[in-house]
Amino acid sequence: TTLAKIVIEKSPQVIQPALYATTGLLAFRGGDPEMGRQLYERAASHSYTKRDRNVRILALWHLALEEVRARTDQADAAAARAERASKDSKLAEIVALRKRLELLKSELPQDRENR
């Protein structure tokens, strides 16, 4: 993961948030939600997001999706945070991401003891 961060930091700034988010997705799917969360947070707080708010919004939605998929105890908070961040957004992808999140929640067992 240190190597991934070095490679990302040497990449053009405009693509760094996407690289952090993608690496975060890989960490979540690889069973390391802590690292995945850190990388998504890095994507969402990257200096480029000050120029393009939509990048932050997308990172937060994708983080919420992975938190739900991984059934972490932070899933509900991540989803609420994504909703707040995108409240005034006109980004078309928000509707699709919201539907994906709700579908994912409905497909998972309601028992959350394993989180």
PDB file of N, CA and C in Angstrom:
ATOM      1  N   THR A   1       0.825  -1.193   0.000  1.00  0.00           N
ATOM      2  CA  THR A   1       0.000   0.000   0.000  1.00  0.00           C
ATOM      3  C   THR A   1       0.867   1.254   0.000  1.00  0.00           C
ATOM      4  N   THR A   2       1.998   1.203   0.647  1.00  0.00           N
ATOM      5  CA  THR A   2       2.912   2.340   0.617  1.00  0.00           C
ATOM      6  C   THR A   2       3.374   2.603  -0.804  1.00  0.00           C
ATOM      7  N   LEU A   3       3.662   1.544  -1.547  1.00  0.00           N
ATOM      8  CA  LEU A   3       4.059   1.686  -2.939  1.00  0.00           C
ATOM      9  C   LEU A   3       2.930   2.323  -3.746  1.00  0.00           C
ATOM     10  N   ALA A   4       1.702   1.893  -3.498  1.00  0.00           N
ATOM     11  CA  ALA A   4       0.559   2.472  -4.205  1.00  0.00           C
ATOM     12  C   ALA A   4       0.464   3.964  -3.938  1.00  0.00           C
ATOM     13  N   LYS A   5       0.662   4.381  -2.676  1.00  0.00           N
ATOM     14  CA  LYS A   5       0.602   5.806  -2.346  1.00  0.00           C
ATOM     15  C   LYS A   5       1.695   6.586  -3.051  1.00  0.00           C
ATOM     16  N   ILE A   6       2.883   6.021  -3.129  1.00  0.00           N
ATOM     17  CA  ILE A   6       3.990   6.688  -3.814  1.00  0.00           C
ATOM     18  C   ILE A   6       3.655   6.865  -5.293  1.00  0.00           C
ATOM     19  N   VAL A   7       3.148   5.818  -5.919  1.00  0.00           N
ATOM     20  CA  VAL A   7       2.782   5.884  -7.332  1.00  0.00           C
ATOM     21  C   VAL A   7       1.680   6.922  -7.538  1.00  0.00           C
ATOM     22  N   ILE A   8       0.684   6.919  -6.683  1.00  0.00           N
ATOM     23  CA  ILE A   8      -0.418   7.874  -6.795  1.00  0.00           C
ATOM     24  C   ILE A   8       0.108   9.299  -6.654  1.00  0.00           C
ATOM     25  N   GLU A   9       0.953   9.542  -5.672  1.00  0.00           N
ATOM     26  CA  GLU A   9       1.440  10.895  -5.423  1.00  0.00           C
ATOM     27  C   GLU A   9       2.327  11.417  -6.541  1.00  0.00           C
ATOM     28  N   LYS A  10       2.868  10.549  -7.355  1.00  0.00           N
ATOM     29  CA  LYS A  10       3.673  10.979  -8.499  1.00  0.00           C
ATOM     30  C   LYS A  10       2.825  11.158  -9.755  1.00  0.00           C
ATOM     31  N   SER A  11       1.555  10.811  -9.684  1.00  0.00           N
ATOM     32  CA  SER A  11       0.635  10.957 -10.807  1.00  0.00           C
ATOM     33  C   SER A  11       0.144  12.400 -10.892  1.00  0.00           C
ATOM     34  N   PRO A  12      -0.390  12.802 -12.047  1.00  0.00           N
ATOM     35  CA  PRO A  12      -0.956  14.155 -12.164  1.00  0.00           C
ATOM     36  C   PRO A  12      -2.057  14.364 -11.124  1.00  0.00           C
ATOM     37  N   GLN A  13      -2.091  15.545 -10.546  1.00  0.00           N
ATOM     38  CA  GLN A  13      -3.032  15.837  -9.459  1.00  0.00           C
ATOM     39  C   GLN A  13      -4.489  15.592  -9.855  1.00  0.00           C
ATOM     40  N   VAL A  14      -4.820  15.853 -11.082  1.00  0.00           N
ATOM     41  CA  VAL A  14      -6.202  15.715 -11.531  1.00  0.00           C
ATOM     42  C   VAL A  14      -6.705  14.276 -11.443  1.00  0.00           C
ATOM     43  N   ILE A  15      -5.821  13.280 -11.530  1.00  0.00           N
ATOM     44  CA  ILE A  15      -6.275  11.882 -11.459  1.00  0.00           C
ATOM     45  C   ILE A  15      -6.030  11.235 -10.094  1.00  0.00           C
ATOM     46  N   GLN A  16      -5.342  11.926  -9.208  1.00  0.00           N
ATOM     47  CA  GLN A  16      -5.038  11.341  -7.899  1.00  0.00           C
ATOM     48  C   GLN A  16      -6.277  10.930  -7.101  1.00  0.00           C
ATOM     49  N   PRO A  17      -7.330  11.761  -7.035  1.00  0.00           N
ATOM     50  CA  PRO A  17      -8.501  11.307  -6.264  1.00  0.00           C
ATOM     51  C   PRO A  17      -9.086   9.994  -6.794  1.00  0.00           C
ATOM     52  N   ALA A  18      -9.154   9.841  -8.105  1.00  0.00           N
ATOM     53  CA  ALA A  18      -9.681   8.600  -8.679  1.00  0.00           C
ATOM     54  C   ALA A  18      -8.776   7.416  -8.349  1.00  0.00           C
ATOM     55  N   LEU A  19      -7.468   7.647  -8.359  1.00  0.00           N
ATOM     56  CA  LEU A  19      -6.536   6.563  -8.026  1.00  0.00           C
ATOM     57  C   LEU A  19      -6.651   6.172  -6.550  1.00  0.00           C
ATOM     58  N   TYR A  20      -6.797   7.164  -5.670  1.00  0.00           N
ATOM     59  CA  TYR A  20      -6.988   6.855  -4.242  1.00  0.00           C
ATOM     60  C   TYR A  20      -8.292   6.074  -4.043  1.00  0.00           C
ATOM     61  N   ALA A  21      -9.363   6.520  -4.706  1.00  0.00           N
ATOM     62  CA  ALA A  21     -10.655   5.850  -4.555  1.00  0.00           C
ATOM     63  C   ALA A  21     -10.600   4.425  -5.095  1.00  0.00           C
ATOM     64  N   THR A  22      -9.966   4.241  -6.238  1.00  0.00           N
ATOM     65  CA  THR A  22      -9.868   2.905  -6.823  1.00  0.00           C
ATOM     66  C   THR A  22      -9.043   1.986  -5.928  1.00  0.00           C
ATOM     67  N   THR A  23      -7.973   2.506  -5.370  1.00  0.00           N
ATOM     68  CA  THR A  23      -7.152   1.717  -4.455  1.00  0.00           C
ATOM     69  C   THR A  23      -7.943   1.412  -3.184  1.00  0.00           C
ATOM     70  N   GLY A  24      -8.779   2.361  -2.762  1.00  0.00           N
ATOM     71  CA  GLY A  24      -9.662   2.134  -1.618  1.00  0.00           C
ATOM     72  C   GLY A  24     -10.651   1.017  -1.887  1.00  0.00           C
ATOM     73  N   LEU A  25     -11.222   1.003  -3.082  1.00  0.00           N
ATOM     74  CA  LEU A  25     -12.135  -0.067  -3.472  1.00  0.00           C
ATOM     75  C   LEU A  25     -11.429  -1.415  -3.410  1.00  0.00           C
ATOM     76  N   LEU A  26     -10.219  -1.462  -3.943  1.00  0.00           N
ATOM     77  CA  LEU A  26      -9.455  -2.716  -3.916  1.00  0.00           C
ATOM     78  C   LEU A  26      -9.172  -3.167  -2.486  1.00  0.00           C
ATOM     79  N   ALA A  27      -8.882  -2.219  -1.610  1.00  0.00           N
ATOM     80  CA  ALA A  27      -8.627  -2.572  -0.211  1.00  0.00           C
ATOM     81  C   ALA A  27      -9.899  -3.133   0.441  1.00  0.00           C
ATOM     82  N   PHE A  28     -11.038  -2.464   0.223  1.00  0.00           N
ATOM     83  CA  PHE A  28     -12.299  -2.972   0.771  1.00  0.00           C
ATOM     84  C   PHE A  28     -12.560  -4.381   0.269  1.00  0.00           C
ATOM     85  N   ARG A  29     -12.458  -4.559  -1.047  1.00  0.00           N
ATOM     86  CA  ARG A  29     -12.777  -5.860  -1.637  1.00  0.00           C
ATOM     87  C   ARG A  29     -11.758  -6.915  -1.241  1.00  0.00           C
ATOM     88  N   GLY A  30     -10.559  -6.467  -0.865  1.00  0.00           N
ATOM     89  CA  GLY A  30      -9.530  -7.393  -0.414  1.00  0.00           C
ATOM     90  C   GLY A  30      -9.622  -7.708   1.076  1.00  0.00           C
ATOM     91  N   GLY A  31     -10.651  -7.157   1.745  1.00  0.00           N
ATOM     92  CA  GLY A  31     -10.876  -7.475   3.147  1.00  0.00           C
ATOM     93  C   GLY A  31     -10.246  -6.518   4.143  1.00  0.00           C
ATOM     94  N   ASP A  32      -9.806  -5.347   3.690  1.00  0.00           N
ATOM     95  CA  ASP A  32      -9.186  -4.367   4.588  1.00  0.00           C
ATOM     96  C   ASP A  32      -9.985  -3.061   4.578  1.00  0.00           C
ATOM     97  N   PRO A  33     -11.144  -3.055   5.262  1.00  0.00           N
ATOM     98  CA  PRO A  33     -11.974  -1.852   5.240  1.00  0.00           C
ATOM     99  C   PRO A  33     -11.312  -0.621   5.863  1.00  0.00           C
ATOM    100  N   GLU A  34     -10.448  -0.819   6.845  1.00  0.00           N
ATOM    101  CA  GLU A  34      -9.761   0.339   7.450  1.00  0.00           C
ATOM    102  C   GLU A  34      -8.913   1.069   6.405  1.00  0.00           C
ATOM    103  N   MET A  35      -8.097   0.302   5.673  1.00  0.00           N
ATOM    104  CA  MET A  35      -7.261   0.905   4.646  1.00  0.00           C
ATOM    105  C   MET A  35      -8.135   1.476   3.528  1.00  0.00           C
ATOM    106  N   GLY A  36      -9.167   0.750   3.149  1.00  0.00           N
ATOM    107  CA  GLY A  36     -10.073   1.235   2.115  1.00  0.00           C
ATOM    108  C   GLY A  36     -10.690   2.561   2.494  1.00  0.00           C
ATOM    109  N   ARG A  37     -11.132   2.665   3.741  1.00  0.00           N
ATOM    110  CA  ARG A  37     -11.737   3.903   4.243  1.00  0.00           C
ATOM    111  C   ARG A  37     -10.726   5.046   4.202  1.00  0.00           C
ATOM    112  N   GLN A  38      -9.507   4.774   4.643  1.00  0.00           N
ATOM    113  CA  GLN A  38      -8.469   5.813   4.628  1.00  0.00           C
ATOM    114  C   GLN A  38      -8.223   6.332   3.213  1.00  0.00           C
ATOM    115  N   LEU A  39      -8.188   5.419   2.258  1.00  0.00           N
ATOM    116  CA  LEU A  39      -7.922   5.817   0.875  1.00  0.00           C
ATOM    117  C   LEU A  39      -9.095   6.582   0.272  1.00  0.00           C
ATOM    118  N   TYR A  40     -10.308   6.149   0.552  1.00  0.00           N
ATOM    119  CA  TYR A  40     -11.476   6.910   0.082  1.00  0.00           C
ATOM    120  C   TYR A  40     -11.506   8.297   0.728  1.00  0.00           C
ATOM    121  N   GLU A  41     -11.175   8.363   2.012  1.00  0.00           N
ATOM    122  CA  GLU A  41     -11.134   9.664   2.695  1.00  0.00           C
ATOM    123  C   GLU A  41     -10.079  10.571   2.057  1.00  0.00           C
ATOM    124  N   ARG A  42      -8.977   9.965   1.681  1.00  0.00           N
ATOM    125  CA  ARG A  42      -7.921  10.738   1.017  1.00  0.00           C
ATOM    126  C   ARG A  42      -8.419  11.264  -0.330  1.00  0.00           C
ATOM    127  N   ALA A  43      -9.175  10.454  -1.041  1.00  0.00           N
ATOM    128  CA  ALA A  43      -9.763  10.894  -2.313  1.00  0.00           C
ATOM    129  C   ALA A  43     -10.738  12.046  -2.079  1.00  0.00           C
ATOM    130  N   ALA A  44     -11.588  11.898  -1.055  1.00  0.00           N
ATOM    131  CA  ALA A  44     -12.618  12.905  -0.780  1.00  0.00           C
ATOM    132  C   ALA A  44     -12.042  14.219  -0.268  1.00  0.00           C
ATOM    133  N   SER A  45     -10.898  14.164   0.381  1.00  0.00           N
ATOM    134  CA  SER A  45     -10.314  15.388   0.958  1.00  0.00           C
ATOM    135  C   SER A  45      -9.149  15.938   0.135  1.00  0.00           C
ATOM    136  N   HIS A  46      -8.874  15.322  -0.988  1.00  0.00           N
ATOM    137  CA  HIS A  46      -7.760  15.729  -1.849  1.00  0.00           C
ATOM    138  C   HIS A  46      -7.923  17.200  -2.251  1.00  0.00           C
ATOM    139  N   SER A  47      -6.816  17.886  -2.401  1.00  0.00           N
ATOM    140  CA  SER A  47      -6.875  19.313  -2.751  1.00  0.00           C
ATOM    141  C   SER A  47      -7.610  19.560  -4.065  1.00  0.00           C
ATOM    142  N   TYR A  48      -7.610  18.610  -4.972  1.00  0.00           N
ATOM    143  CA  TYR A  48      -8.315  18.781  -6.243  1.00  0.00           C
ATOM    144  C   TYR A  48      -9.823  18.921  -6.034  1.00  0.00           C
ATOM    145  N   THR A  49     -10.361  18.341  -4.958  1.00  0.00           N
ATOM    146  CA  THR A  49     -11.802  18.414  -4.724  1.00  0.00           C
ATOM    147  C   THR A  49     -12.269  19.837  -4.424  1.00  0.00           C
ATOM    148  N   LYS A  50     -11.353  20.717  -4.093  1.00  0.00           N
ATOM    149  CA  LYS A  50     -11.730  22.123  -3.900  1.00  0.00           C
ATOM    150  C   LYS A  50     -12.080  22.766  -5.246  1.00  0.00           C
ATOM    151  N   ARG A  51     -11.485  22.264  -6.318  1.00  0.00           N
ATOM    152  CA  ARG A  51     -11.771  22.757  -7.670  1.00  0.00           C
ATOM    153  C   ARG A  51     -12.956  22.047  -8.300  1.00  0.00           C
ATOM    154  N   ASP A  52     -13.168  20.802  -7.931  1.00  0.00           N
ATOM    155  CA  ASP A  52     -14.246  20.009  -8.514  1.00  0.00           C
ATOM    156  C   ASP A  52     -14.966  19.256  -7.407  1.00  0.00           C
ATOM    157  N   ARG A  53     -16.014  19.861  -6.892  1.00  0.00           N
ATOM    158  CA  ARG A  53     -16.782  19.303  -5.775  1.00  0.00           C
ATOM    159  C   ARG A  53     -17.368  17.929  -6.114  1.00  0.00           C
ATOM    160  N   ASN A  54     -17.666  17.700  -7.387  1.00  0.00           N
ATOM    161  CA  ASN A  54     -18.253  16.433  -7.790  1.00  0.00           C
ATOM    162  C   ASN A  54     -17.330  15.249  -7.520  1.00  0.00           C
ATOM    163  N   VAL A  55     -16.038  15.485  -7.591  1.00  0.00           N
ATOM    164  CA  VAL A  55     -15.072  14.416  -7.302  1.00  0.00           C
ATOM    165  C   VAL A  55     -15.234  13.968  -5.848  1.00  0.00           C
ATOM    166  N   ARG A  56     -15.379  14.922  -4.949  1.00  0.00           N
ATOM    167  CA  ARG A  56     -15.582  14.609  -3.525  1.00  0.00           C
ATOM    168  C   ARG A  56     -16.886  13.842  -3.322  1.00  0.00           C
ATOM    169  N   ILE A  57     -17.939  14.328  -3.956  1.00  0.00           N
ATOM    170  CA  ILE A  57     -19.252  13.702  -3.825  1.00  0.00           C
ATOM    171  C   ILE A  57     -19.206  12.248  -4.294  1.00  0.00           C
ATOM    172  N   LEU A  58     -18.590  12.012  -5.438  1.00  0.00           N
ATOM    173  CA  LEU A  58     -18.500  10.647  -5.964  1.00  0.00           C
ATOM    174  C   LEU A  58     -17.675   9.746  -5.050  1.00  0.00           C
ATOM    175  N   ALA A  59     -16.585  10.269  -4.514  1.00  0.00           N
ATOM    176  CA  ALA A  59     -15.769   9.475  -3.593  1.00  0.00           C
ATOM    177  C   ALA A  59     -16.584   9.086  -2.359  1.00  0.00           C
ATOM    178  N   LEU A  60     -17.371  10.008  -1.833  1.00  0.00           N
ATOM    179  CA  LEU A  60     -18.175   9.714  -0.643  1.00  0.00           C
ATOM    180  C   LEU A  60     -19.267   8.684  -0.940  1.00  0.00           C
ATOM    181  N   TRP A  61     -19.890   8.769  -2.102  1.00  0.00           N
ATOM    182  CA  TRP A  61     -20.907   7.780  -2.463  1.00  0.00           C
ATOM    183  C   TRP A  61     -20.305   6.395  -2.631  1.00  0.00           C
ATOM    184  N   HIS A  62     -19.153   6.345  -3.274  1.00  0.00           N
ATOM    185  CA  HIS A  62     -18.523   5.035  -3.471  1.00  0.00           C
ATOM    186  C   HIS A  62     -18.003   4.469  -2.148  1.00  0.00           C
ATOM    187  N   LEU A  63     -17.548   5.331  -1.266  1.00  0.00           N
ATOM    188  CA  LEU A  63     -17.180   4.877   0.074  1.00  0.00           C
ATOM    189  C   LEU A  63     -18.403   4.280   0.767  1.00  0.00           C
ATOM    190  N   ALA A  64     -19.528   4.970   0.688  1.00  0.00           N
ATOM    191  CA  ALA A  64     -20.754   4.463   1.320  1.00  0.00           C
ATOM    192  C   ALA A  64     -21.131   3.093   0.759  1.00  0.00           C
ATOM    193  N   LEU A  65     -21.026   2.932  -0.549  1.00  0.00           N
ATOM    194  CA  LEU A  65     -21.333   1.638  -1.159  1.00  0.00           C
ATOM    195  C   LEU A  65     -20.442   0.528  -0.600  1.00  0.00           C
ATOM    196  N   GLU A  66     -19.165   0.820  -0.476  1.00  0.00           N
ATOM    197  CA  GLU A  66     -18.237  -0.202   0.026  1.00  0.00           C
ATOM    198  C   GLU A  66     -18.449  -0.480   1.512  1.00  0.00           C
ATOM    199  N   GLU A  67     -18.792   0.541   2.277  1.00  0.00           N
ATOM    200  CA  GLU A  67     -19.086   0.332   3.709  1.00  0.00           C
ATOM    201  C   GLU A  67     -20.298  -0.583   3.857  1.00  0.00           C
ATOM    202  N   VAL A  68     -21.323  -0.353   3.046  1.00  0.00           N
ATOM    203  CA  VAL A  68     -22.524  -1.198   3.097  1.00  0.00           C
ATOM    204  C   VAL A  68     -22.181  -2.615   2.646  1.00  0.00           C
ATOM    205  N   ARG A  69     -21.468  -2.720   1.534  1.00  0.00           N
ATOM    206  CA  ARG A  69     -21.108  -4.044   1.014  1.00  0.00           C
ATOM    207  C   ARG A  69     -20.297  -4.840   2.046  1.00  0.00           C
ATOM    208  N   ALA A  70     -19.389  -4.145   2.751  1.00  0.00           N
ATOM    209  CA  ALA A  70     -18.544  -4.802   3.753  1.00  0.00           C
ATOM    210  C   ALA A  70     -19.267  -4.968   5.092  1.00  0.00           C
ATOM    211  N   ARG A  71     -20.465  -4.410   5.182  1.00  0.00           N
ATOM    212  CA  ARG A  71     -21.275  -4.501   6.399  1.00  0.00           C
ATOM    213  C   ARG A  71     -20.547  -3.959   7.626  1.00  0.00           C
ATOM    214  N   THR A  72     -19.895  -2.805   7.463  1.00  0.00           N
ATOM    215  CA  THR A  72     -19.176  -2.213   8.589  1.00  0.00           C
ATOM    216  C   THR A  72     -20.132  -1.442   9.482  1.00  0.00           C
ATOM    217  N   ASP A  73     -19.663  -1.115  10.664  1.00  0.00           N
ATOM    218  CA  ASP A  73     -20.486  -0.327  11.581  1.00  0.00           C
ATOM    219  C   ASP A  73     -20.536   1.145  11.173  1.00  0.00           C
ATOM    220  N   GLN A  74     -19.840   1.512  10.127  1.00  0.00           N
ATOM    221  CA  GLN A  74     -19.844   2.896   9.658  1.00  0.00           C
ATOM    222  C   GLN A  74     -20.690   3.084   8.397  1.00  0.00           C
ATOM    223  N   ALA A  75     -21.371   2.035   7.968  1.00  0.00           N
ATOM    224  CA  ALA A  75     -22.139   2.070   6.720  1.00  0.00           C
ATOM    225  C   ALA A  75     -23.227   3.141   6.734  1.00  0.00           C
ATOM    226  N   ASP A  76     -24.029   3.174   7.781  1.00  0.00           N
ATOM    227  CA  ASP A  76     -25.130   4.145   7.828  1.00  0.00           C
ATOM    228  C   ASP A  76     -24.603   5.578   7.870  1.00  0.00           C
ATOM    229  N   ALA A  77     -23.561   5.810   8.639  1.00  0.00           N
ATOM    230  CA  ALA A  77     -22.982   7.155   8.724  1.00  0.00           C
ATOM    231  C   ALA A  77     -22.384   7.575   7.386  1.00  0.00           C
ATOM    232  N   ALA A  78     -21.741   6.646   6.687  1.00  0.00           N
ATOM    233  CA  ALA A  78     -21.151   6.961   5.387  1.00  0.00           C
ATOM    234  C   ALA A  78     -22.238   7.309   4.374  1.00  0.00           C
ATOM    235  N   ALA A  79     -23.345   6.582   4.408  1.00  0.00           N
ATOM    236  CA  ALA A  79     -24.453   6.868   3.491  1.00  0.00           C
ATOM    237  C   ALA A  79     -25.068   8.233   3.800  1.00  0.00           C
ATOM    238  N   ALA A  80     -25.245   8.533   5.074  1.00  0.00           N
ATOM    239  CA  ALA A  80     -25.804   9.831   5.462  1.00  0.00           C
ATOM    240  C   ALA A  80     -24.864  10.970   5.051  1.00  0.00           C
ATOM    241  N   ARG A  81     -23.587  10.745   5.203  1.00  0.00           N
ATOM    242  CA  ARG A  81     -22.590  11.764   4.813  1.00  0.00           C
ATOM    243  C   ARG A  81     -22.626  12.004   3.304  1.00  0.00           C
ATOM    244  N   ALA A  82     -22.738  10.947   2.520  1.00  0.00           N
ATOM    245  CA  ALA A  82     -22.825  11.091   1.065  1.00  0.00           C
ATOM    246  C   ALA A  82     -24.084  11.867   0.687  1.00  0.00           C
ATOM    247  N   GLU A  83     -25.184  11.565   1.347  1.00  0.00           N
ATOM    248  CA  GLU A  83     -26.432  12.299   1.096  1.00  0.00           C
ATOM    249  C   GLU A  83     -26.267  13.783   1.402  1.00  0.00           C
ATOM    250  N   ARG A  84     -25.673  14.099   2.544  1.00  0.00           N
ATOM    251  CA  ARG A  84     -25.476  15.516   2.917  1.00  0.00           C
ATOM    252  C   ARG A  84     -24.577  16.229   1.914  1.00  0.00           C
ATOM    253  N   ALA A  85     -23.508  15.560   1.514  1.00  0.00           N
ATOM    254  CA  ALA A  85     -22.541  16.179   0.595  1.00  0.00           C
ATOM    255  C   ALA A  85     -23.162  16.463  -0.766  1.00  0.00           C
ATOM    256  N   SER A  86     -24.121  15.642  -1.161  1.00  0.00           N
ATOM    257  CA  SER A  86     -24.695  15.785  -2.498  1.00  0.00           C
ATOM    258  C   SER A  86     -26.054  16.475  -2.501  1.00  0.00           C
ATOM    259  N   LYS A  87     -26.445  17.013  -1.369  1.00  0.00           N
ATOM    260  CA  LYS A  87     -27.767  17.615  -1.213  1.00  0.00           C
ATOM    261  C   LYS A  87     -28.119  18.601  -2.332  1.00  0.00           C
ATOM    262  N   ASP A  88     -27.217  19.499  -2.669  1.00  0.00           N
ATOM    263  CA  ASP A  88     -27.485  20.526  -3.680  1.00  0.00           C
ATOM    264  C   ASP A  88     -26.846  20.207  -5.025  1.00  0.00           C
ATOM    265  N   SER A  89     -26.350  19.003  -5.173  1.00  0.00           N
ATOM    266  CA  SER A  89     -25.648  18.632  -6.399  1.00  0.00           C
ATOM    267  C   SER A  89     -26.620  18.353  -7.539  1.00  0.00           C
ATOM    268  N   LYS A  90     -26.208  18.725  -8.730  1.00  0.00           N
ATOM    269  CA  LYS A  90     -26.977  18.440  -9.945  1.00  0.00           C
ATOM    270  C   LYS A  90     -26.376  17.258 -10.700  1.00  0.00           C
ATOM    271  N   LEU A  91     -25.447  16.569 -10.064  1.00  0.00           N
ATOM    272  CA  LEU A  91     -24.740  15.458 -10.689  1.00  0.00           C
ATOM    273  C   LEU A  91     -25.712  14.306 -10.974  1.00  0.00           C
ATOM    274  N   ALA A  92     -25.816  13.923 -12.226  1.00  0.00           N
ATOM    275  CA  ALA A  92     -26.772  12.893 -12.641  1.00  0.00           C
ATOM    276  C   ALA A  92     -26.488  11.540 -11.996  1.00  0.00           C
ATOM    277  N   GLU A  93     -25.228  11.246 -11.734  1.00  0.00           N
ATOM    278  CA  GLU A  93     -24.858   9.947 -11.177  1.00  0.00           C
ATOM    279  C   GLU A  93     -25.415   9.701  -9.777  1.00  0.00           C
ATOM    280  N   ILE A  94     -25.779  10.764  -9.079  1.00  0.00           N
ATOM    281  CA  ILE A  94     -26.257  10.627  -7.698  1.00  0.00           C
ATOM    282  C   ILE A  94     -27.502   9.742  -7.638  1.00  0.00           C
ATOM    283  N   VAL A  95     -28.411   9.929  -8.571  1.00  0.00           N
ATOM    284  CA  VAL A  95     -29.641   9.127  -8.579  1.00  0.00           C
ATOM    285  C   VAL A  95     -29.297   7.645  -8.725  1.00  0.00           C
ATOM    286  N   ALA A  96     -28.408   7.327  -9.647  1.00  0.00           N
ATOM    287  CA  ALA A  96     -28.015   5.928  -9.860  1.00  0.00           C
ATOM    288  C   ALA A  96     -27.283   5.365  -8.649  1.00  0.00           C
ATOM    289  N   LEU A  97     -26.396   6.158  -8.050  1.00  0.00           N
ATOM    290  CA  LEU A  97     -25.658   5.692  -6.874  1.00  0.00           C
ATOM    291  C   LEU A  97     -26.599   5.461  -5.694  1.00  0.00           C
ATOM    292  N   ARG A  98     -27.546   6.347  -5.528  1.00  0.00           N
ATOM    293  CA  ARG A  98     -28.526   6.184  -4.451  1.00  0.00           C
ATOM    294  C   ARG A  98     -29.322   4.889  -4.649  1.00  0.00           C
ATOM    295  N   LYS A  99     -29.738   4.620  -5.880  1.00  0.00           N
ATOM    296  CA  LYS A  99     -30.481   3.386  -6.169  1.00  0.00           C
ATOM    297  C   LYS A  99     -29.611   2.151  -5.922  1.00  0.00           C
ATOM    298  N   ARG A 100     -28.340   2.218  -6.331  1.00  0.00           N
ATOM    299  CA  ARG A 100     -27.424   1.091  -6.084  1.00  0.00           C
ATOM    300  C   ARG A 100     -27.273   0.832  -4.601  1.00  0.00           C
ATOM    301  N   LEU A 101     -27.155   1.907  -3.819  1.00  0.00           N
ATOM    302  CA  LEU A 101     -26.987   1.764  -2.375  1.00  0.00           C
ATOM    303  C   LEU A 101     -28.227   1.112  -1.754  1.00  0.00           C
ATOM    304  N   GLU A 102     -29.390   1.584  -2.138  1.00  0.00           N
ATOM    305  CA  GLU A 102     -30.629   1.018  -1.587  1.00  0.00           C
ATOM    306  C   GLU A 102     -30.795  -0.438  -1.999  1.00  0.00           C
ATOM    307  N   LEU A 103     -30.473  -0.767  -3.246  1.00  0.00           N
ATOM    308  CA  LEU A 103     -30.556  -2.143  -3.705  1.00  0.00           C
ATOM    309  C   LEU A 103     -29.589  -3.029  -2.933  1.00  0.00           C
ATOM    310  N   LEU A 104     -28.377  -2.541  -2.742  1.00  0.00           N
ATOM    311  CA  LEU A 104     -27.372  -3.302  -1.998  1.00  0.00           C
ATOM    312  C   LEU A 104     -27.835  -3.541  -0.566  1.00  0.00           C
ATOM    313  N   LYS A 105     -28.378  -2.506   0.061  1.00  0.00           N
ATOM    314  CA  LYS A 105     -28.892  -2.661   1.430  1.00  0.00           C
ATOM    315  C   LYS A 105     -30.002  -3.705   1.483  1.00  0.00           C
ATOM    316  N   SER A 106     -30.877  -3.691   0.487  1.00  0.00           N
ATOM    317  CA  SER A 106     -32.014  -4.622   0.492  1.00  0.00           C
ATOM    318  C   SER A 106     -31.584  -6.066   0.233  1.00  0.00           C
ATOM    319  N   GLU A 107     -30.447  -6.248  -0.434  1.00  0.00           N
ATOM    320  CA  GLU A 107     -29.964  -7.591  -0.744  1.00  0.00           C
ATOM    321  C   GLU A 107     -29.180  -8.223   0.393  1.00  0.00           C
ATOM    322  N   LEU A 108     -28.681  -7.414   1.309  1.00  0.00           N
ATOM    323  CA  LEU A 108     -27.884  -7.935   2.411  1.00  0.00           C
ATOM    324  C   LEU A 108     -28.782  -8.425   3.536  1.00  0.00           C
ATOM    325  N   PRO A 109     -28.359  -9.458   4.223  1.00  0.00           N
ATOM    326  CA  PRO A 109     -29.121  -9.905   5.397  1.00  0.00           C
ATOM    327  C   PRO A 109     -29.226  -8.766   6.413  1.00  0.00           C
ATOM    328  N   GLN A 110     -30.343  -8.697   7.093  1.00  0.00           N
ATOM    329  CA  GLN A 110     -30.566  -7.616   8.055  1.00  0.00           C
ATOM    330  C   GLN A 110     -29.757  -7.781   9.334  1.00  0.00           C
ATOM    331  N   ASP A 111     -29.291  -8.991   9.619  1.00  0.00           N
ATOM    332  CA  ASP A 111     -28.454  -9.260  10.791  1.00  0.00           C
ATOM    333  C   ASP A 111     -27.118  -8.546  10.622  1.00  0.00           C
ATOM    334  N   ARG A 112     -26.806  -7.651  11.533  1.00  0.00           N
ATOM    335  CA  ARG A 112     -25.558  -6.887  11.420  1.00  0.00           C
ATOM    336  C   ARG A 112     -24.587  -7.214  12.554  1.00  0.00           C
ATOM    337  N   GLU A 113     -24.773  -8.334  13.202  1.00  0.00           N
ATOM    338  CA  GLU A 113     -23.901  -8.684  14.322  1.00  0.00           C
ATOM    339  C   GLU A 113     -22.469  -8.934  13.891  1.00  0.00           C
ATOM    340  N   ASN A 114     -22.239  -9.314  12.654  1.00  0.00           N
ATOM    341  CA  ASN A 114     -20.900  -9.653  12.175  1.00  0.00           C
ATOM    342  C   ASN A 114     -20.087  -8.443  11.758  1.00  0.00           C
ATOM    343  N   ARG A 115     -20.575  -7.240  11.989  1.00  0.00           N
ATOM    344  CA  ARG A 115     -19.860  -6.052  11.541  1.00  0.00           C
ATOM    345  C   ARG A 115     -18.772  -5.664  12.475  1.00  0.00           C
TER     346      ARG A 115
END
